[in-house]
N, C-alpha and C. Protein backbone atom coordinates (compact mmCIF):
# COMPACT_ATOMS: atom_id res chain seq x y z
N MET A 1 14.66 0.24 2.39
CA MET A 1 13.42 -0.34 2.82
C MET A 1 13.14 -1.62 2.03
N LEU A 2 13.12 -1.56 0.71
CA LEU A 2 12.97 -2.74 -0.13
C LEU A 2 14.24 -2.92 -0.94
N GLY A 3 14.67 -4.16 -1.06
CA GLY A 3 15.89 -4.44 -1.81
C GLY A 3 15.68 -4.43 -3.31
N PRO A 4 16.77 -4.60 -4.05
CA PRO A 4 16.70 -4.57 -5.52
C PRO A 4 15.75 -5.62 -6.10
N ALA A 5 15.61 -6.76 -5.46
CA ALA A 5 14.72 -7.80 -5.96
C ALA A 5 13.25 -7.40 -5.87
N SER A 6 12.97 -6.37 -5.07
CA SER A 6 11.59 -5.90 -4.88
C SER A 6 11.32 -4.59 -5.60
N ALA A 7 12.10 -4.30 -6.63
CA ALA A 7 11.96 -3.02 -7.34
C ALA A 7 10.55 -2.85 -7.92
N SER A 8 9.96 -3.92 -8.43
CA SER A 8 8.61 -3.78 -9.00
C SER A 8 7.58 -3.47 -7.92
N ASP A 9 7.77 -4.00 -6.71
CA ASP A 9 6.86 -3.69 -5.61
C ASP A 9 6.99 -2.22 -5.20
N ALA A 10 8.22 -1.74 -5.13
CA ALA A 10 8.45 -0.33 -4.80
C ALA A 10 7.86 0.57 -5.88
N LEU A 11 8.01 0.17 -7.14
CA LEU A 11 7.46 0.95 -8.25
C LEU A 11 5.94 1.01 -8.17
N HIS A 12 5.32 -0.09 -7.83
CA HIS A 12 3.86 -0.16 -7.68
C HIS A 12 3.38 0.89 -6.67
N VAL A 13 4.02 0.95 -5.51
CA VAL A 13 3.62 1.90 -4.47
C VAL A 13 3.98 3.33 -4.89
N ALA A 14 5.13 3.50 -5.50
CA ALA A 14 5.55 4.84 -5.93
C ALA A 14 4.60 5.41 -6.99
N MET A 15 4.18 4.57 -7.92
CA MET A 15 3.26 5.04 -8.95
C MET A 15 1.91 5.42 -8.35
N ALA A 16 1.46 4.64 -7.39
CA ALA A 16 0.21 4.97 -6.71
C ALA A 16 0.34 6.29 -5.96
N SER A 17 1.49 6.53 -5.35
CA SER A 17 1.73 7.78 -4.63
C SER A 17 1.70 8.98 -5.57
N VAL A 18 2.42 8.87 -6.68
CA VAL A 18 2.48 9.96 -7.65
C VAL A 18 1.11 10.22 -8.26
N ALA A 19 0.33 9.16 -8.44
CA ALA A 19 -1.02 9.29 -8.99
C ALA A 19 -2.03 9.76 -7.94
N ARG A 20 -1.56 9.95 -6.72
CA ARG A 20 -2.40 10.39 -5.60
C ARG A 20 -3.55 9.43 -5.31
N ALA A 21 -3.25 8.14 -5.42
CA ALA A 21 -4.25 7.12 -5.11
C ALA A 21 -4.57 7.16 -3.62
N ASP A 22 -5.82 6.94 -3.29
CA ASP A 22 -6.23 6.87 -1.89
C ASP A 22 -5.99 5.49 -1.31
N LEU A 23 -5.96 4.49 -2.19
CA LEU A 23 -5.92 3.11 -1.73
C LEU A 23 -5.10 2.25 -2.68
N VAL A 24 -4.29 1.38 -2.11
CA VAL A 24 -3.58 0.36 -2.87
C VAL A 24 -4.05 -0.99 -2.34
N LEU A 25 -4.49 -1.87 -3.25
CA LEU A 25 -4.87 -3.23 -2.90
C LEU A 25 -3.79 -4.17 -3.39
N SER A 26 -3.38 -5.10 -2.55
CA SER A 26 -2.33 -6.02 -2.96
C SER A 26 -2.43 -7.31 -2.17
N TRP A 27 -2.06 -8.41 -2.81
CA TRP A 27 -1.93 -9.70 -2.14
C TRP A 27 -0.51 -9.89 -1.64
N ASN A 28 0.37 -8.95 -1.87
CA ASN A 28 1.78 -9.09 -1.52
C ASN A 28 1.99 -8.72 -0.05
N PHE A 29 1.83 -9.71 0.82
CA PHE A 29 1.93 -9.47 2.26
C PHE A 29 3.38 -9.29 2.72
N LYS A 30 4.33 -9.78 1.97
CA LYS A 30 5.73 -9.66 2.37
C LYS A 30 6.28 -8.26 2.12
N HIS A 31 5.96 -7.69 0.97
CA HIS A 31 6.59 -6.42 0.59
C HIS A 31 5.68 -5.21 0.56
N ILE A 32 4.37 -5.39 0.54
CA ILE A 32 3.48 -4.23 0.41
C ILE A 32 2.48 -4.17 1.57
N VAL A 33 1.65 -5.19 1.73
CA VAL A 33 0.62 -5.18 2.78
C VAL A 33 1.26 -5.73 4.06
N ASN A 34 2.09 -4.90 4.65
CA ASN A 34 2.91 -5.28 5.80
C ASN A 34 3.01 -4.03 6.67
N PHE A 35 2.61 -4.15 7.94
CA PHE A 35 2.49 -2.97 8.80
C PHE A 35 3.74 -2.09 8.81
N SER A 36 4.89 -2.68 9.00
CA SER A 36 6.11 -1.85 9.07
C SER A 36 6.43 -1.23 7.71
N ARG A 37 6.17 -1.94 6.63
CA ARG A 37 6.43 -1.38 5.29
C ARG A 37 5.46 -0.24 4.99
N ILE A 38 4.20 -0.41 5.38
CA ILE A 38 3.20 0.65 5.14
C ILE A 38 3.62 1.92 5.87
N LYS A 39 4.08 1.78 7.11
CA LYS A 39 4.58 2.96 7.84
C LYS A 39 5.73 3.61 7.09
N GLY A 40 6.62 2.81 6.54
CA GLY A 40 7.75 3.34 5.77
C GLY A 40 7.32 4.03 4.50
N PHE A 41 6.42 3.39 3.75
CA PHE A 41 5.92 4.00 2.51
C PHE A 41 5.29 5.36 2.81
N ASN A 42 4.44 5.40 3.83
CA ASN A 42 3.76 6.65 4.16
C ASN A 42 4.71 7.69 4.72
N GLY A 43 5.73 7.26 5.43
CA GLY A 43 6.74 8.20 5.90
C GLY A 43 7.47 8.87 4.75
N VAL A 44 7.84 8.10 3.75
CA VAL A 44 8.50 8.64 2.56
C VAL A 44 7.54 9.58 1.83
N ASN A 45 6.28 9.17 1.71
CA ASN A 45 5.30 10.03 1.04
C ASN A 45 5.21 11.39 1.72
N VAL A 46 5.03 11.39 3.03
CA VAL A 46 4.85 12.64 3.77
C VAL A 46 6.12 13.50 3.68
N MET A 47 7.29 12.88 3.78
CA MET A 47 8.54 13.64 3.68
C MET A 47 8.70 14.30 2.31
N ASN A 48 8.06 13.74 1.31
CA ASN A 48 8.17 14.27 -0.06
C ASN A 48 6.94 15.02 -0.51
N GLY A 49 6.09 15.40 0.43
CA GLY A 49 4.94 16.23 0.10
C GLY A 49 3.74 15.50 -0.45
N CYS A 50 3.76 14.18 -0.40
CA CYS A 50 2.60 13.39 -0.86
C CYS A 50 1.76 13.00 0.35
N SER A 51 0.55 12.61 0.09
CA SER A 51 -0.34 12.17 1.17
C SER A 51 -0.03 10.74 1.56
N ALA A 52 -0.33 10.43 2.80
CA ALA A 52 -0.28 9.03 3.23
C ALA A 52 -1.43 8.31 2.53
N MET A 53 -1.25 7.02 2.26
CA MET A 53 -2.31 6.27 1.60
C MET A 53 -2.64 5.02 2.40
N THR A 54 -3.80 4.49 2.13
CA THR A 54 -4.23 3.25 2.75
C THR A 54 -3.77 2.09 1.89
N ILE A 55 -3.16 1.10 2.50
CA ILE A 55 -2.73 -0.10 1.78
C ILE A 55 -3.39 -1.29 2.47
N LEU A 56 -4.19 -2.02 1.71
CA LEU A 56 -4.97 -3.13 2.24
C LEU A 56 -4.88 -4.35 1.32
N SER A 57 -5.25 -5.49 1.87
CA SER A 57 -5.43 -6.68 1.04
C SER A 57 -6.86 -6.69 0.53
N PRO A 58 -7.12 -7.36 -0.58
CA PRO A 58 -8.51 -7.45 -1.08
C PRO A 58 -9.47 -8.03 -0.05
N LEU A 59 -9.00 -8.92 0.80
CA LEU A 59 -9.87 -9.49 1.83
C LEU A 59 -10.34 -8.44 2.83
N GLU A 60 -9.49 -7.47 3.13
CA GLU A 60 -9.89 -6.42 4.06
C GLU A 60 -10.99 -5.55 3.47
N VAL A 61 -11.00 -5.40 2.18
CA VAL A 61 -12.04 -4.61 1.53
C VAL A 61 -13.31 -5.44 1.37
N ALA A 62 -13.16 -6.70 1.02
CA ALA A 62 -14.31 -7.59 0.80
C ALA A 62 -15.06 -7.89 2.09
N CYS A 63 -14.41 -7.78 3.21
CA CYS A 63 -15.02 -8.17 4.49
C CYS A 63 -15.46 -6.96 5.31
N ASP A 64 -15.78 -5.86 4.67
CA ASP A 64 -16.22 -4.70 5.42
C ASP A 64 -17.66 -4.88 5.90
N ASP A 65 -18.16 -3.97 6.70
CA ASP A 65 -19.49 -4.08 7.28
C ASP A 65 -20.61 -4.03 6.26
N GLN A 66 -20.38 -3.42 5.11
CA GLN A 66 -21.42 -3.29 4.09
C GLN A 66 -21.58 -4.54 3.24
N ASN A 67 -20.59 -5.43 3.26
CA ASN A 67 -20.62 -6.62 2.41
C ASN A 67 -20.61 -7.86 3.29
N LYS A 68 -21.76 -8.29 3.75
CA LYS A 68 -21.86 -9.42 4.67
C LYS A 68 -21.87 -10.77 3.95
N GLU A 69 -21.85 -10.77 2.62
CA GLU A 69 -21.93 -12.02 1.87
C GLU A 69 -20.65 -12.83 1.89
N PHE A 70 -19.51 -12.25 2.16
CA PHE A 70 -18.23 -12.94 2.10
C PHE A 70 -18.06 -13.87 3.25
């Protein structure tokens, strides 16, 4: 899914999975906040008994309905 050059990105998501994080925020649109990669991360999580998690960019969180100031 991610190549050797992206080991730190994979580690970031893996650590969040092991810590049972509900949400990962990242500006990394190429390797983390990417629809096909998110499906892959969550597929691996579910296959290994972990929960699927939400992965978003900070802008997606800042622009929710409760925060109209952005």
